[in-house]
């Protein structure tokens, strides 16, 4: 008799949530860096676009795991805000409301597209 935590169910959950956890860890790691001297200066002209894409990817991973655009947007947005707070404590970094807005905007675009594509007629 299968248990609620049967092996296929656990493997399925891990396969859905492991990419989310790994991607959040990558975001945290990158946010903990004091500087990105290796990146060309021109990259930073597109800072808000980079934020939007970064959190759009997070939203897509969350959508894959939750199948819920509202929850995915909330989770991505809260992680974006917490990331900005985290940067307050990293030497050479600062928090920006505009970065958080770009994070939520990128996640919102992905969640909106997912909702529009999957809505019932």
N, C-alpha and C. Protein backbone atom coordinates (compact mmCIF):
# COMPACT_ATOMS: atom_id res chain seq x y z
N UNK A 1 0.84 -1.18 0.00
CA UNK A 1 0.00 0.00 0.00
C UNK A 1 0.89 1.25 0.00
N UNK A 2 0.71 2.14 -0.99
CA UNK A 2 1.56 3.33 -1.05
C UNK A 2 1.25 4.30 0.10
N UNK A 3 2.27 4.91 0.60
CA UNK A 3 2.12 5.90 1.67
C UNK A 3 2.03 7.28 1.03
N UNK A 4 1.55 8.29 1.79
CA UNK A 4 1.46 9.63 1.22
C UNK A 4 2.81 10.16 0.72
N UNK A 5 3.87 9.71 1.34
CA UNK A 5 5.20 10.15 0.93
C UNK A 5 5.88 9.05 0.11
N UNK A 6 5.13 8.50 -0.85
CA UNK A 6 5.70 7.43 -1.66
C UNK A 6 6.85 7.95 -2.50
N UNK A 7 7.70 7.06 -2.90
CA UNK A 7 8.91 7.43 -3.63
C UNK A 7 8.65 8.25 -4.89
N UNK A 8 7.70 7.85 -5.76
CA UNK A 8 7.46 8.67 -6.96
C UNK A 8 6.98 10.08 -6.63
N UNK A 9 6.16 10.22 -5.56
CA UNK A 9 5.67 11.53 -5.17
C UNK A 9 6.80 12.42 -4.67
N UNK A 10 7.68 11.85 -3.87
CA UNK A 10 8.82 12.61 -3.35
C UNK A 10 9.74 13.03 -4.49
N UNK A 11 10.02 12.11 -5.40
CA UNK A 11 10.87 12.45 -6.54
C UNK A 11 10.25 13.54 -7.40
N UNK A 12 8.96 13.49 -7.58
CA UNK A 12 8.26 14.52 -8.37
C UNK A 12 8.39 15.88 -7.69
N UNK A 13 8.16 15.92 -6.40
CA UNK A 13 8.26 17.20 -5.67
C UNK A 13 9.69 17.75 -5.71
N UNK A 14 10.64 16.87 -5.53
CA UNK A 14 12.04 17.31 -5.59
C UNK A 14 12.37 17.84 -6.99
N UNK A 15 11.88 17.15 -8.01
CA UNK A 15 12.17 17.60 -9.38
C UNK A 15 11.51 18.94 -9.69
N UNK A 16 10.42 19.25 -9.01
CA UNK A 16 9.76 20.55 -9.22
C UNK A 16 10.40 21.66 -8.39
N UNK A 17 10.79 21.36 -7.17
CA UNK A 17 11.27 22.41 -6.26
C UNK A 17 12.78 22.57 -6.22
N UNK A 18 13.55 21.57 -6.58
CA UNK A 18 15.01 21.69 -6.56
C UNK A 18 15.51 22.82 -7.47
N UNK A 19 14.97 22.96 -8.70
CA UNK A 19 15.43 24.09 -9.51
C UNK A 19 15.12 25.46 -8.88
N UNK A 20 13.99 25.56 -8.20
CA UNK A 20 13.63 26.83 -7.53
C UNK A 20 14.64 27.13 -6.43
N UNK A 21 14.93 26.14 -5.60
CA UNK A 21 15.87 26.33 -4.49
C UNK A 21 17.26 26.66 -5.02
N UNK A 22 17.71 25.94 -6.04
CA UNK A 22 19.05 26.20 -6.61
C UNK A 22 19.13 27.59 -7.22
N UNK A 23 18.08 28.01 -7.93
CA UNK A 23 18.09 29.33 -8.55
C UNK A 23 18.07 30.43 -7.49
N UNK A 24 17.28 30.23 -6.43
CA UNK A 24 17.28 31.21 -5.33
C UNK A 24 18.65 31.29 -4.67
N UNK A 25 19.31 30.15 -4.53
CA UNK A 25 20.67 30.14 -3.97
C UNK A 25 21.63 30.89 -4.87
N UNK A 26 21.48 30.74 -6.18
CA UNK A 26 22.32 31.48 -7.13
C UNK A 26 22.09 32.98 -7.01
N UNK A 27 20.84 33.39 -6.93
CA UNK A 27 20.53 34.82 -6.74
C UNK A 27 21.16 35.33 -5.46
N UNK A 28 21.02 34.57 -4.38
CA UNK A 28 21.59 34.98 -3.09
C UNK A 28 23.10 35.10 -3.19
N UNK A 29 23.75 34.11 -3.82
CA UNK A 29 25.20 34.14 -3.98
C UNK A 29 25.64 35.37 -4.77
N UNK A 30 24.98 35.64 -5.88
CA UNK A 30 25.35 36.80 -6.70
C UNK A 30 25.11 38.10 -5.95
N UNK A 31 24.04 38.16 -5.16
CA UNK A 31 23.75 39.37 -4.39
C UNK A 31 24.76 39.60 -3.28
N UNK A 32 25.42 38.55 -2.85
CA UNK A 32 26.39 38.66 -1.76
C UNK A 32 27.76 39.12 -2.26
N UNK A 33 27.92 39.28 -3.55
CA UNK A 33 29.20 39.73 -4.12
C UNK A 33 29.31 41.25 -4.00
N UNK A 34 30.47 41.71 -3.60
CA UNK A 34 30.67 43.16 -3.43
C UNK A 34 30.75 43.90 -4.76
N UNK A 35 31.20 43.25 -5.78
CA UNK A 35 31.30 43.91 -7.07
C UNK A 35 31.44 42.90 -8.19
N UNK A 36 31.19 43.38 -9.38
CA UNK A 36 31.30 42.54 -10.57
C UNK A 36 32.26 43.21 -11.54
N UNK A 37 33.55 43.20 -11.16
CA UNK A 37 34.56 43.88 -11.97
C UNK A 37 34.75 43.23 -13.34
N UNK A 38 34.37 41.96 -13.46
CA UNK A 38 34.57 41.24 -14.71
C UNK A 38 33.54 41.65 -15.77
N UNK A 39 32.42 42.25 -15.35
CA UNK A 39 31.37 42.61 -16.30
C UNK A 39 31.68 43.95 -16.95
N UNK A 40 31.47 44.06 -18.26
CA UNK A 40 31.69 45.35 -18.93
C UNK A 40 30.73 46.41 -18.39
N UNK A 41 31.17 47.65 -18.40
CA UNK A 41 30.34 48.75 -17.89
C UNK A 41 29.01 48.85 -18.63
N UNK A 42 29.00 48.51 -19.91
CA UNK A 42 27.77 48.62 -20.71
C UNK A 42 26.66 47.72 -20.17
N UNK A 43 27.02 46.63 -19.51
CA UNK A 43 26.02 45.72 -18.94
C UNK A 43 25.16 46.45 -17.94
N UNK A 44 25.74 47.33 -17.16
CA UNK A 44 25.00 47.99 -16.09
C UNK A 44 24.05 49.05 -16.61
N UNK A 45 24.13 49.39 -17.90
CA UNK A 45 23.13 50.28 -18.49
C UNK A 45 21.79 49.57 -18.58
N UNK A 46 21.81 48.25 -18.52
CA UNK A 46 20.59 47.45 -18.62
C UNK A 46 20.27 46.76 -17.30
N UNK A 47 20.66 47.38 -16.20
CA UNK A 47 20.50 46.80 -14.87
C UNK A 47 19.06 46.38 -14.59
N UNK A 48 18.11 47.22 -14.90
CA UNK A 48 16.70 46.90 -14.60
C UNK A 48 16.20 45.77 -15.49
N UNK A 49 16.66 45.72 -16.73
CA UNK A 49 16.28 44.61 -17.62
C UNK A 49 16.84 43.30 -17.07
N UNK A 50 18.08 43.34 -16.59
CA UNK A 50 18.69 42.15 -16.00
C UNK A 50 17.87 41.68 -14.80
N UNK A 51 17.46 42.62 -13.95
CA UNK A 51 16.62 42.27 -12.80
C UNK A 51 15.31 41.64 -13.26
N UNK A 52 14.68 42.24 -14.25
CA UNK A 52 13.41 41.71 -14.75
C UNK A 52 13.54 40.30 -15.29
N UNK A 53 14.58 40.07 -16.06
CA UNK A 53 14.80 38.73 -16.63
C UNK A 53 15.11 37.73 -15.51
N UNK A 54 15.94 38.15 -14.59
CA UNK A 54 16.34 37.28 -13.47
C UNK A 54 15.11 36.79 -12.69
N UNK A 55 14.20 37.71 -12.38
CA UNK A 55 13.02 37.33 -11.61
C UNK A 55 11.91 36.77 -12.49
N UNK A 56 11.96 37.03 -13.78
CA UNK A 56 11.06 36.35 -14.70
C UNK A 56 11.37 34.86 -14.74
N UNK A 57 12.66 34.53 -14.76
CA UNK A 57 13.08 33.12 -14.72
C UNK A 57 12.64 32.48 -13.40
N UNK A 58 12.83 33.20 -12.30
CA UNK A 58 12.38 32.66 -11.01
C UNK A 58 10.88 32.41 -11.03
N UNK A 59 10.12 33.34 -11.57
CA UNK A 59 8.66 33.16 -11.65
C UNK A 59 8.31 31.95 -12.50
N UNK A 60 9.02 31.74 -13.60
CA UNK A 60 8.76 30.58 -14.45
C UNK A 60 9.03 29.28 -13.70
N UNK A 61 10.11 29.25 -12.94
CA UNK A 61 10.41 28.06 -12.14
C UNK A 61 9.34 27.84 -11.06
N UNK A 62 8.90 28.93 -10.45
CA UNK A 62 7.84 28.82 -9.43
C UNK A 62 6.53 28.37 -10.06
N UNK A 63 6.22 28.86 -11.25
CA UNK A 63 5.00 28.42 -11.95
C UNK A 63 5.06 26.94 -12.26
N UNK A 64 6.22 26.47 -12.64
CA UNK A 64 6.39 25.04 -12.92
C UNK A 64 6.11 24.22 -11.67
N UNK A 65 6.50 24.75 -10.51
CA UNK A 65 6.32 24.02 -9.25
C UNK A 65 4.91 24.17 -8.67
N UNK A 66 4.33 25.36 -8.79
CA UNK A 66 3.05 25.62 -8.12
C UNK A 66 1.84 25.56 -9.04
N UNK A 67 2.02 25.87 -10.32
CA UNK A 67 0.93 25.98 -11.29
C UNK A 67 -0.06 27.08 -10.87
N UNK A 68 0.41 28.05 -10.08
CA UNK A 68 -0.45 29.10 -9.56
C UNK A 68 0.23 30.45 -9.80
N UNK A 69 -0.28 31.26 -10.75
CA UNK A 69 0.41 32.51 -11.08
C UNK A 69 0.40 33.54 -9.95
N UNK A 70 -0.67 33.59 -9.17
CA UNK A 70 -0.73 34.56 -8.07
C UNK A 70 0.29 34.20 -6.99
N UNK A 71 0.34 32.94 -6.63
CA UNK A 71 1.30 32.50 -5.61
C UNK A 71 2.74 32.67 -6.11
N UNK A 72 2.96 32.34 -7.37
CA UNK A 72 4.31 32.47 -7.94
C UNK A 72 4.76 33.93 -7.96
N UNK A 73 3.86 34.83 -8.33
CA UNK A 73 4.19 36.26 -8.33
C UNK A 73 4.47 36.74 -6.91
N UNK A 74 3.66 36.32 -5.96
CA UNK A 74 3.88 36.71 -4.56
C UNK A 74 5.23 36.22 -4.06
N UNK A 75 5.54 34.95 -4.33
CA UNK A 75 6.80 34.37 -3.85
C UNK A 75 8.00 35.05 -4.51
N UNK A 76 7.94 35.26 -5.82
CA UNK A 76 9.05 35.91 -6.53
C UNK A 76 9.22 37.35 -6.04
N UNK A 77 8.10 38.05 -5.86
CA UNK A 77 8.16 39.43 -5.39
C UNK A 77 8.75 39.54 -3.99
N UNK A 78 8.31 38.67 -3.10
CA UNK A 78 8.86 38.68 -1.74
C UNK A 78 10.34 38.33 -1.72
N UNK A 79 10.73 37.39 -2.58
CA UNK A 79 12.16 37.04 -2.64
C UNK A 79 12.96 38.22 -3.19
N UNK A 80 12.41 38.94 -4.16
CA UNK A 80 13.08 40.12 -4.70
C UNK A 80 13.27 41.20 -3.65
N UNK A 81 12.23 41.45 -2.86
CA UNK A 81 12.34 42.45 -1.79
C UNK A 81 13.35 41.99 -0.74
N UNK A 82 13.30 40.70 -0.36
CA UNK A 82 14.25 40.20 0.63
C UNK A 82 15.68 40.27 0.10
N UNK A 83 15.85 40.09 -1.20
CA UNK A 83 17.17 40.20 -1.82
C UNK A 83 17.70 41.63 -1.71
N UNK A 84 16.83 42.60 -1.91
CA UNK A 84 17.26 44.00 -1.77
C UNK A 84 17.63 44.31 -0.32
N UNK A 85 16.89 43.79 0.64
CA UNK A 85 17.22 43.98 2.05
C UNK A 85 18.56 43.31 2.35
N UNK A 86 18.77 42.12 1.80
CA UNK A 86 20.04 41.41 1.98
C UNK A 86 21.21 42.27 1.50
N UNK A 87 21.02 42.97 0.39
CA UNK A 87 22.10 43.78 -0.17
C UNK A 87 22.47 44.97 0.73
N UNK A 88 21.59 45.36 1.63
CA UNK A 88 21.92 46.42 2.59
C UNK A 88 23.11 46.03 3.46
N UNK A 89 23.30 44.74 3.66
CA UNK A 89 24.34 44.24 4.56
C UNK A 89 25.58 43.73 3.83
N UNK A 90 25.62 43.93 2.53
CA UNK A 90 26.78 43.51 1.74
C UNK A 90 27.63 44.73 1.45
N UNK A 91 28.90 44.73 1.86
CA UNK A 91 29.77 45.88 1.58
C UNK A 91 29.83 46.16 0.08
N UNK A 92 29.70 47.43 -0.26
CA UNK A 92 29.76 47.84 -1.66
C UNK A 92 28.46 47.70 -2.41
N UNK A 93 27.40 47.21 -1.75
CA UNK A 93 26.10 47.05 -2.39
C UNK A 93 25.10 47.93 -1.66
N UNK A 94 23.98 48.19 -2.31
CA UNK A 94 22.92 48.96 -1.68
C UNK A 94 21.58 48.43 -2.16
N UNK A 95 20.55 48.70 -1.40
CA UNK A 95 19.21 48.31 -1.79
C UNK A 95 18.60 49.39 -2.67
N UNK A 96 17.73 48.98 -3.56
CA UNK A 96 17.08 49.93 -4.45
C UNK A 96 15.62 49.54 -4.63
N UNK A 97 14.74 50.49 -4.37
CA UNK A 97 13.32 50.26 -4.60
C UNK A 97 13.08 49.99 -6.09
N UNK A 98 13.85 50.66 -6.94
CA UNK A 98 13.68 50.48 -8.39
C UNK A 98 14.09 49.08 -8.84
N UNK A 99 15.09 48.51 -8.18
CA UNK A 99 15.46 47.12 -8.49
C UNK A 99 14.33 46.18 -8.08
N UNK A 100 13.74 46.42 -6.91
CA UNK A 100 12.63 45.58 -6.46
C UNK A 100 11.43 45.71 -7.41
N UNK A 101 11.19 46.91 -7.90
CA UNK A 101 10.10 47.11 -8.87
C UNK A 101 10.40 46.35 -10.16
N UNK A 102 11.65 46.38 -10.60
CA UNK A 102 12.04 45.63 -11.81
C UNK A 102 11.88 44.13 -11.57
N UNK A 103 12.22 43.66 -10.37
CA UNK A 103 12.05 42.25 -10.04
C UNK A 103 10.59 41.83 -10.16
N UNK A 104 9.71 42.60 -9.53
CA UNK A 104 8.28 42.28 -9.53
C UNK A 104 7.71 42.42 -10.94
N UNK A 105 8.19 43.39 -11.69
CA UNK A 105 7.71 43.57 -13.06
C UNK A 105 8.07 42.37 -13.93
N UNK A 106 9.31 41.90 -13.84
CA UNK A 106 9.71 40.73 -14.61
C UNK A 106 8.90 39.50 -14.24
N UNK A 107 8.72 39.28 -12.95
CA UNK A 107 7.92 38.15 -12.49
C UNK A 107 6.46 38.32 -12.92
N UNK A 108 5.97 39.54 -12.84
CA UNK A 108 4.58 39.82 -13.22
C UNK A 108 4.32 39.57 -14.69
N UNK A 109 5.26 39.93 -15.53
CA UNK A 109 5.10 39.69 -16.97
C UNK A 109 5.00 38.19 -17.24
N UNK A 110 5.90 37.41 -16.66
CA UNK A 110 5.89 35.96 -16.88
C UNK A 110 4.61 35.34 -16.33
N UNK A 111 4.21 35.73 -15.12
CA UNK A 111 2.98 35.17 -14.53
C UNK A 111 1.74 35.58 -15.33
N UNK A 112 1.72 36.80 -15.83
CA UNK A 112 0.59 37.26 -16.65
C UNK A 112 0.50 36.48 -17.95
N UNK A 113 1.64 36.28 -18.59
CA UNK A 113 1.65 35.50 -19.83
C UNK A 113 1.20 34.07 -19.58
N UNK A 114 1.65 33.48 -18.49
CA UNK A 114 1.24 32.12 -18.15
C UNK A 114 -0.27 32.07 -17.91
N UNK A 115 -0.78 33.05 -17.15
CA UNK A 115 -2.21 33.09 -16.86
C UNK A 115 -3.01 33.25 -18.14
N UNK A 116 -2.60 34.17 -19.00
CA UNK A 116 -3.30 34.43 -20.25
C UNK A 116 -3.30 33.18 -21.13
N UNK A 117 -2.17 32.50 -21.19
CA UNK A 117 -2.05 31.31 -22.03
C UNK A 117 -2.88 30.14 -21.49
N UNK A 118 -3.03 30.04 -20.19
CA UNK A 118 -3.71 28.90 -19.57
C UNK A 118 -5.11 29.18 -19.07
N UNK A 119 -5.63 30.36 -19.34
CA UNK A 119 -6.98 30.68 -18.85
C UNK A 119 -8.01 29.81 -19.58
N UNK A 120 -9.11 29.60 -18.91
CA UNK A 120 -10.20 28.82 -19.49
C UNK A 120 -11.08 29.74 -20.33
N UNK A 121 -11.47 29.30 -21.52
CA UNK A 121 -12.33 30.16 -22.38
C UNK A 121 -13.73 30.32 -21.83
